[in-house]
């Protein structure tokens, strides 16, 4: 049971961006994310660009660290 609301940065993500973030946190590559979500790698890259911007992080590694820290909301 969640005792606190999700971090503000995560509330800015769309449901699909939360799915992509969760897969990034698990170490999935763009190709693996694309196959898992039945989307193109280009769409995955688009989502990752939006995720980085919305979370205010500079790279995939920082996004993965944040996603792992907030995994219960993804």
PDB file of N, CA and C in Angstrom:
ATOM      1  N   UNK A   1       0.827  -1.176   0.000  1.00  0.00           N
ATOM      2  CA  UNK A   1       0.000   0.000   0.000  1.00  0.00           C
ATOM      3  C   UNK A   1       0.877   1.246   0.000  1.00  0.00           C
ATOM      4  N   UNK A   2       0.566   2.185  -0.884  1.00  0.00           N
ATOM      5  CA  UNK A   2       1.350   3.413  -0.991  1.00  0.00           C
ATOM      6  C   UNK A   2       0.933   4.389   0.095  1.00  0.00           C
ATOM      7  N   UNK A   3       1.912   4.864   0.840  1.00  0.00           N
ATOM      8  CA  UNK A   3       1.603   5.776   1.932  1.00  0.00           C
ATOM      9  C   UNK A   3       1.769   7.236   1.525  1.00  0.00           C
ATOM     10  N   UNK A   4       2.474   7.493   0.437  1.00  0.00           N
ATOM     11  CA  UNK A   4       2.730   8.854  -0.016  1.00  0.00           C
ATOM     12  C   UNK A   4       2.341   8.976  -1.479  1.00  0.00           C
ATOM     13  N   UNK A   5       2.019  10.191  -1.919  1.00  0.00           N
ATOM     14  CA  UNK A   5       1.729  10.375  -3.339  1.00  0.00           C
ATOM     15  C   UNK A   5       3.002  10.210  -4.164  1.00  0.00           C
ATOM     16  N   UNK A   6       2.873   9.945  -5.470  1.00  0.00           N
ATOM     17  CA  UNK A   6       4.066   9.802  -6.300  1.00  0.00           C
ATOM     18  C   UNK A   6       4.835  11.111  -6.374  1.00  0.00           C
ATOM     19  N   UNK A   7       6.141  11.037  -6.610  1.00  0.00           N
ATOM     20  CA  UNK A   7       6.937  12.254  -6.780  1.00  0.00           C
ATOM     21  C   UNK A   7       6.353  13.102  -7.907  1.00  0.00           C
ATOM     22  N   UNK A   8       6.437  14.404  -7.762  1.00  0.00           N
ATOM     23  CA  UNK A   8       5.839  15.327  -8.736  1.00  0.00           C
ATOM     24  C   UNK A   8       6.323  15.066 -10.159  1.00  0.00           C
ATOM     25  N   UNK A   9       7.580  14.744 -10.322  1.00  0.00           N
ATOM     26  CA  UNK A   9       8.108  14.508 -11.672  1.00  0.00           C
ATOM     27  C   UNK A   9       7.382  13.362 -12.350  1.00  0.00           C
ATOM     28  N   UNK A  10       7.065  12.320 -11.607  1.00  0.00           N
ATOM     29  CA  UNK A  10       6.391  11.167 -12.211  1.00  0.00           C
ATOM     30  C   UNK A  10       4.958  11.477 -12.614  1.00  0.00           C
ATOM     31  N   UNK A  11       4.316  12.395 -11.929  1.00  0.00           N
ATOM     32  CA  UNK A  11       2.941  12.725 -12.289  1.00  0.00           C
ATOM     33  C   UNK A  11       2.881  13.437 -13.634  1.00  0.00           C
ATOM     34  N   UNK A  12       4.001  14.003 -14.079  1.00  0.00           N
ATOM     35  CA  UNK A  12       4.057  14.674 -15.376  1.00  0.00           C
ATOM     36  C   UNK A  12       4.155  13.680 -16.527  1.00  0.00           C
ATOM     37  N   UNK A  13       4.499  12.422 -16.233  1.00  0.00           N
ATOM     38  CA  UNK A  13       4.650  11.417 -17.283  1.00  0.00           C
ATOM     39  C   UNK A  13       3.292  10.848 -17.688  1.00  0.00           C
ATOM     40  N   UNK A  14       3.173  10.551 -18.971  1.00  0.00           N
ATOM     41  CA  UNK A  14       1.968   9.877 -19.451  1.00  0.00           C
ATOM     42  C   UNK A  14       2.025   8.417 -19.019  1.00  0.00           C
ATOM     43  N   UNK A  15       0.903   7.710 -19.076  1.00  0.00           N
ATOM     44  CA  UNK A  15       0.943   6.281 -18.738  1.00  0.00           C
ATOM     45  C   UNK A  15       1.964   5.513 -19.588  1.00  0.00           C
ATOM     46  N   UNK A  16       2.068   5.809 -20.878  1.00  0.00           N
ATOM     47  CA  UNK A  16       3.030   5.114 -21.737  1.00  0.00           C
ATOM     48  C   UNK A  16       4.454   5.462 -21.328  1.00  0.00           C
ATOM     49  N   UNK A  17       4.708   6.721 -20.982  1.00  0.00           N
ATOM     50  CA  UNK A  17       6.041   7.113 -20.543  1.00  0.00           C
ATOM     51  C   UNK A  17       6.402   6.422 -19.234  1.00  0.00           C
ATOM     52  N   UNK A  18       5.426   6.201 -18.366  1.00  0.00           N
ATOM     53  CA  UNK A  18       5.693   5.446 -17.128  1.00  0.00           C
ATOM     54  C   UNK A  18       6.056   4.001 -17.461  1.00  0.00           C
ATOM     55  N   UNK A  19       5.388   3.419 -18.461  1.00  0.00           N
ATOM     56  CA  UNK A  19       5.737   2.048 -18.873  1.00  0.00           C
ATOM     57  C   UNK A  19       7.165   2.005 -19.396  1.00  0.00           C
ATOM     58  N   UNK A  20       7.509   2.953 -20.256  1.00  0.00           N
ATOM     59  CA  UNK A  20       8.865   3.001 -20.817  1.00  0.00           C
ATOM     60  C   UNK A  20       9.880   3.212 -19.701  1.00  0.00           C
ATOM     61  N   UNK A  21       9.577   4.102 -18.763  1.00  0.00           N
ATOM     62  CA  UNK A  21      10.486   4.343 -17.630  1.00  0.00           C
ATOM     63  C   UNK A  21      10.726   3.080 -16.819  1.00  0.00           C
ATOM     64  N   UNK A  22       9.671   2.332 -16.591  1.00  0.00           N
ATOM     65  CA  UNK A  22       9.806   1.081 -15.857  1.00  0.00           C
ATOM     66  C   UNK A  22      10.715   0.095 -16.562  1.00  0.00           C
ATOM     67  N   UNK A  23      10.597   0.038 -17.880  1.00  0.00           N
ATOM     68  CA  UNK A  23      11.444  -0.870 -18.652  1.00  0.00           C
ATOM     69  C   UNK A  23      12.886  -0.379 -18.692  1.00  0.00           C
ATOM     70  N   UNK A  24      13.076   0.931 -18.757  1.00  0.00           N
ATOM     71  CA  UNK A  24      14.430   1.493 -18.679  1.00  0.00           C
ATOM     72  C   UNK A  24      15.053   1.110 -17.344  1.00  0.00           C
ATOM     73  N   UNK A  25      14.268   1.234 -16.277  1.00  0.00           N
ATOM     74  CA  UNK A  25      14.768   0.908 -14.936  1.00  0.00           C
ATOM     75  C   UNK A  25      15.191  -0.552 -14.827  1.00  0.00           C
ATOM     76  N   UNK A  26      14.555  -1.418 -15.607  1.00  0.00           N
ATOM     77  CA  UNK A  26      14.910  -2.845 -15.606  1.00  0.00           C
ATOM     78  C   UNK A  26      16.080  -3.152 -16.527  1.00  0.00           C
ATOM     79  N   UNK A  27      16.589  -2.117 -17.207  1.00  0.00           N
ATOM     80  CA  UNK A  27      17.757  -2.295 -18.066  1.00  0.00           C
ATOM     81  C   UNK A  27      17.452  -2.701 -19.491  1.00  0.00           C
ATOM     82  N   UNK A  28      16.206  -2.548 -19.916  1.00  0.00           N
ATOM     83  CA  UNK A  28      15.827  -2.936 -21.274  1.00  0.00           C
ATOM     84  C   UNK A  28      16.411  -1.972 -22.306  1.00  0.00           C
ATOM     85  N   UNK A  29      16.831  -2.511 -23.421  1.00  0.00           N
ATOM     86  CA  UNK A  29      17.318  -1.687 -24.534  1.00  0.00           C
ATOM     87  C   UNK A  29      16.124  -1.101 -25.280  1.00  0.00           C
ATOM     88  N   UNK A  30      16.391  -0.156 -26.174  1.00  0.00           N
ATOM     89  CA  UNK A  30      15.318   0.415 -26.985  1.00  0.00           C
ATOM     90  C   UNK A  30      14.603  -0.667 -27.779  1.00  0.00           C
ATOM     91  N   UNK A  31      15.359  -1.600 -28.350  1.00  0.00           N
ATOM     92  CA  UNK A  31      14.758  -2.681 -29.141  1.00  0.00           C
ATOM     93  C   UNK A  31      13.868  -3.558 -28.259  1.00  0.00           C
ATOM     94  N   UNK A  32      14.330  -3.855 -27.063  1.00  0.00           N
ATOM     95  CA  UNK A  32      13.534  -4.677 -26.146  1.00  0.00           C
ATOM     96  C   UNK A  32      12.258  -3.954 -25.710  1.00  0.00           C
ATOM     97  N   UNK A  33      12.382  -2.655 -25.455  1.00  0.00           N
ATOM     98  CA  UNK A  33      11.203  -1.868 -25.087  1.00  0.00           C
ATOM     99  C   UNK A  33      10.205  -1.862 -26.236  1.00  0.00           C
ATOM    100  N   UNK A  34      10.696  -1.651 -27.444  1.00  0.00           N
ATOM    101  CA  UNK A  34       9.829  -1.617 -28.629  1.00  0.00           C
ATOM    102  C   UNK A  34       9.074  -2.935 -28.782  1.00  0.00           C
ATOM    103  N   UNK A  35       9.775  -4.044 -28.660  1.00  0.00           N
ATOM    104  CA  UNK A  35       9.121  -5.357 -28.790  1.00  0.00           C
ATOM    105  C   UNK A  35       8.100  -5.579 -27.677  1.00  0.00           C
ATOM    106  N   UNK A  36       8.461  -5.197 -26.475  1.00  0.00           N
ATOM    107  CA  UNK A  36       7.584  -5.410 -25.329  1.00  0.00           C
ATOM    108  C   UNK A  36       6.284  -4.615 -25.427  1.00  0.00           C
ATOM    109  N   UNK A  37       6.375  -3.396 -25.949  1.00  0.00           N
ATOM    110  CA  UNK A  37       5.211  -2.509 -26.003  1.00  0.00           C
ATOM    111  C   UNK A  37       4.565  -2.451 -27.398  1.00  0.00           C
ATOM    112  N   UNK A  38       5.106  -3.230 -28.343  1.00  0.00           N
ATOM    113  CA  UNK A  38       4.567  -3.272 -29.712  1.00  0.00           C
ATOM    114  C   UNK A  38       4.565  -1.895 -30.367  1.00  0.00           C
ATOM    115  N   UNK A  39       5.713  -1.202 -30.234  1.00  0.00           N
ATOM    116  CA  UNK A  39       5.891   0.097 -30.876  1.00  0.00           C
ATOM    117  C   UNK A  39       7.238   0.080 -31.589  1.00  0.00           C
ATOM    118  N   UNK A  40       7.499   1.075 -32.419  1.00  0.00           N
ATOM    119  CA  UNK A  40       8.765   1.136 -33.138  1.00  0.00           C
ATOM    120  C   UNK A  40       9.873   1.677 -32.232  1.00  0.00           C
ATOM    121  N   UNK A  41      11.120   1.412 -32.622  1.00  0.00           N
ATOM    122  CA  UNK A  41      12.245   1.953 -31.863  1.00  0.00           C
ATOM    123  C   UNK A  41      12.252   3.480 -31.929  1.00  0.00           C
ATOM    124  N   UNK A  42      11.808   4.033 -33.043  1.00  0.00           N
ATOM    125  CA  UNK A  42      11.711   5.485 -33.159  1.00  0.00           C
ATOM    126  C   UNK A  42      10.748   6.060 -32.134  1.00  0.00           C
ATOM    127  N   UNK A  43       9.643   5.372 -31.917  1.00  0.00           N
ATOM    128  CA  UNK A  43       8.674   5.815 -30.915  1.00  0.00           C
ATOM    129  C   UNK A  43       9.266   5.696 -29.521  1.00  0.00           C
ATOM    130  N   UNK A  44      10.031   4.648 -29.281  1.00  0.00           N
ATOM    131  CA  UNK A  44      10.709   4.496 -27.985  1.00  0.00           C
ATOM    132  C   UNK A  44      11.651   5.678 -27.765  1.00  0.00           C
ATOM    133  N   UNK A  45      12.434   6.025 -28.778  1.00  0.00           N
ATOM    134  CA  UNK A  45      13.368   7.151 -28.659  1.00  0.00           C
ATOM    135  C   UNK A  45      12.624   8.445 -28.379  1.00  0.00           C
ATOM    136  N   UNK A  46      11.478   8.628 -29.037  1.00  0.00           N
ATOM    137  CA  UNK A  46      10.657   9.819 -28.791  1.00  0.00           C
ATOM    138  C   UNK A  46      10.211   9.855 -27.333  1.00  0.00           C
ATOM    139  N   UNK A  47       9.706   8.730 -26.832  1.00  0.00           N
ATOM    140  CA  UNK A  47       9.261   8.674 -25.438  1.00  0.00           C
ATOM    141  C   UNK A  47      10.420   8.957 -24.483  1.00  0.00           C
ATOM    142  N   UNK A  48      11.580   8.410 -24.764  1.00  0.00           N
ATOM    143  CA  UNK A  48      12.734   8.620 -23.886  1.00  0.00           C
ATOM    144  C   UNK A  48      13.127  10.092 -23.864  1.00  0.00           C
ATOM    145  N   UNK A  49      13.106  10.740 -25.016  1.00  0.00           N
ATOM    146  CA  UNK A  49      13.413  12.172 -25.073  1.00  0.00           C
ATOM    147  C   UNK A  49      12.447  12.966 -24.207  1.00  0.00           C
ATOM    148  N   UNK A  50      11.157  12.640 -24.297  1.00  0.00           N
ATOM    149  CA  UNK A  50      10.145  13.331 -23.490  1.00  0.00           C
ATOM    150  C   UNK A  50      10.343  13.033 -22.002  1.00  0.00           C
ATOM    151  N   UNK A  51      10.667  11.784 -21.678  1.00  0.00           N
ATOM    152  CA  UNK A  51      10.894  11.390 -20.280  1.00  0.00           C
ATOM    153  C   UNK A  51      12.057  12.182 -19.688  1.00  0.00           C
ATOM    154  N   UNK A  52      13.164  12.244 -20.405  1.00  0.00           N
ATOM    155  CA  UNK A  52      14.335  12.961 -19.909  1.00  0.00           C
ATOM    156  C   UNK A  52      13.994  14.423 -19.645  1.00  0.00           C
ATOM    157  N   UNK A  53      13.251  15.021 -20.567  1.00  0.00           N
ATOM    158  CA  UNK A  53      12.860  16.419 -20.424  1.00  0.00           C
ATOM    159  C   UNK A  53      11.929  16.619 -19.230  1.00  0.00           C
ATOM    160  N   UNK A  54      10.920  15.785 -19.121  1.00  0.00           N
ATOM    161  CA  UNK A  54       9.934  15.951 -18.052  1.00  0.00           C
ATOM    162  C   UNK A  54      10.514  15.666 -16.674  1.00  0.00           C
ATOM    163  N   UNK A  55      11.452  14.733 -16.606  1.00  0.00           N
ATOM    164  CA  UNK A  55      12.064  14.407 -15.312  1.00  0.00           C
ATOM    165  C   UNK A  55      13.221  15.340 -14.960  1.00  0.00           C
ATOM    166  N   UNK A  56      13.685  16.108 -15.950  1.00  0.00           N
ATOM    167  CA  UNK A  56      14.786  17.030 -15.703  1.00  0.00           C
ATOM    168  C   UNK A  56      16.111  16.333 -15.496  1.00  0.00           C
ATOM    169  N   UNK A  57      16.298  15.220 -16.206  1.00  0.00           N
ATOM    170  CA  UNK A  57      17.563  14.483 -16.120  1.00  0.00           C
ATOM    171  C   UNK A  57      18.256  14.553 -17.470  1.00  0.00           C
ATOM    172  N   UNK A  58      19.583  14.312 -17.484  1.00  0.00           N
ATOM    173  CA  UNK A  58      20.317  14.505 -18.723  1.00  0.00           C
ATOM    174  C   UNK A  58      20.531  13.231 -19.535  1.00  0.00           C
ATOM    175  N   UNK A  59      20.364  12.062 -18.909  1.00  0.00           N
ATOM    176  CA  UNK A  59      20.595  10.844 -19.681  1.00  0.00           C
ATOM    177  C   UNK A  59      19.770   9.674 -19.143  1.00  0.00           C
ATOM    178  N   UNK A  60      19.835   8.595 -19.895  1.00  0.00           N
ATOM    179  CA  UNK A  60      19.065   7.381 -19.596  1.00  0.00           C
ATOM    180  C   UNK A  60      19.423   6.794 -18.230  1.00  0.00           C
ATOM    181  N   UNK A  61      20.694   6.889 -17.859  1.00  0.00           N
ATOM    182  CA  UNK A  61      21.142   6.355 -16.576  1.00  0.00           C
ATOM    183  C   UNK A  61      20.468   7.083 -15.415  1.00  0.00           C
ATOM    184  N   UNK A  62      20.423   8.402 -15.496  1.00  0.00           N
ATOM    185  CA  UNK A  62      19.759   9.163 -14.441  1.00  0.00           C
ATOM    186  C   UNK A  62      18.265   8.844 -14.405  1.00  0.00           C
ATOM    187  N   UNK A  63      17.660   8.673 -15.578  1.00  0.00           N
ATOM    188  CA  UNK A  63      16.240   8.312 -15.632  1.00  0.00           C
ATOM    189  C   UNK A  63      16.018   6.947 -14.979  1.00  0.00           C
ATOM    190  N   UNK A  64      16.927   6.013 -15.233  1.00  0.00           N
ATOM    191  CA  UNK A  64      16.810   4.673 -14.660  1.00  0.00           C
ATOM    192  C   UNK A  64      16.943   4.716 -13.140  1.00  0.00           C
ATOM    193  N   UNK A  65      17.863   5.516 -12.639  1.00  0.00           N
ATOM    194  CA  UNK A  65      18.055   5.641 -11.196  1.00  0.00           C
ATOM    195  C   UNK A  65      16.794   6.213 -10.556  1.00  0.00           C
ATOM    196  N   UNK A  66      16.246   7.254 -11.148  1.00  0.00           N
ATOM    197  CA  UNK A  66      15.029   7.859 -10.617  1.00  0.00           C
ATOM    198  C   UNK A  66      13.866   6.877 -10.682  1.00  0.00           C
ATOM    199  N   UNK A  67      13.751   6.180 -11.812  1.00  0.00           N
ATOM    200  CA  UNK A  67      12.661   5.207 -11.966  1.00  0.00           C
ATOM    201  C   UNK A  67      12.780   4.084 -10.937  1.00  0.00           C
ATOM    202  N   UNK A  68      13.988   3.625 -10.675  1.00  0.00           N
ATOM    203  CA  UNK A  68      14.187   2.581  -9.653  1.00  0.00           C
ATOM    204  C   UNK A  68      13.797   3.088  -8.277  1.00  0.00           C
ATOM    205  N   UNK A  69      14.124   4.337  -7.987  1.00  0.00           N
ATOM    206  CA  UNK A  69      13.791   4.912  -6.689  1.00  0.00           C
ATOM    207  C   UNK A  69      12.285   5.078  -6.522  1.00  0.00           C
ATOM    208  N   UNK A  70      11.586   5.214  -7.644  1.00  0.00           N
ATOM    209  CA  UNK A  70      10.129   5.445  -7.612  1.00  0.00           C
ATOM    210  C   UNK A  70       9.370   4.274  -8.207  1.00  0.00           C
ATOM    211  N   UNK A  71       9.949   3.099  -8.180  1.00  0.00           N
ATOM    212  CA  UNK A  71       9.388   1.931  -8.866  1.00  0.00           C
ATOM    213  C   UNK A  71       7.970   1.601  -8.460  1.00  0.00           C
ATOM    214  N   UNK A  72       7.585   1.862  -7.228  1.00  0.00           N
ATOM    215  CA  UNK A  72       6.230   1.485  -6.801  1.00  0.00           C
ATOM    216  C   UNK A  72       5.152   2.294  -7.513  1.00  0.00           C
ATOM    217  N   UNK A  73       5.521   3.426  -8.149  1.00  0.00           N
ATOM    218  CA  UNK A  73       4.524   4.225  -8.864  1.00  0.00           C
ATOM    219  C   UNK A  73       4.523   3.997 -10.356  1.00  0.00           C
ATOM    220  N   UNK A  74       5.428   3.162 -10.847  1.00  0.00           N
ATOM    221  CA  UNK A  74       5.496   2.907 -12.306  1.00  0.00           C
ATOM    222  C   UNK A  74       4.655   1.710 -12.687  1.00  0.00           C
TER     223      UNK A  74
END
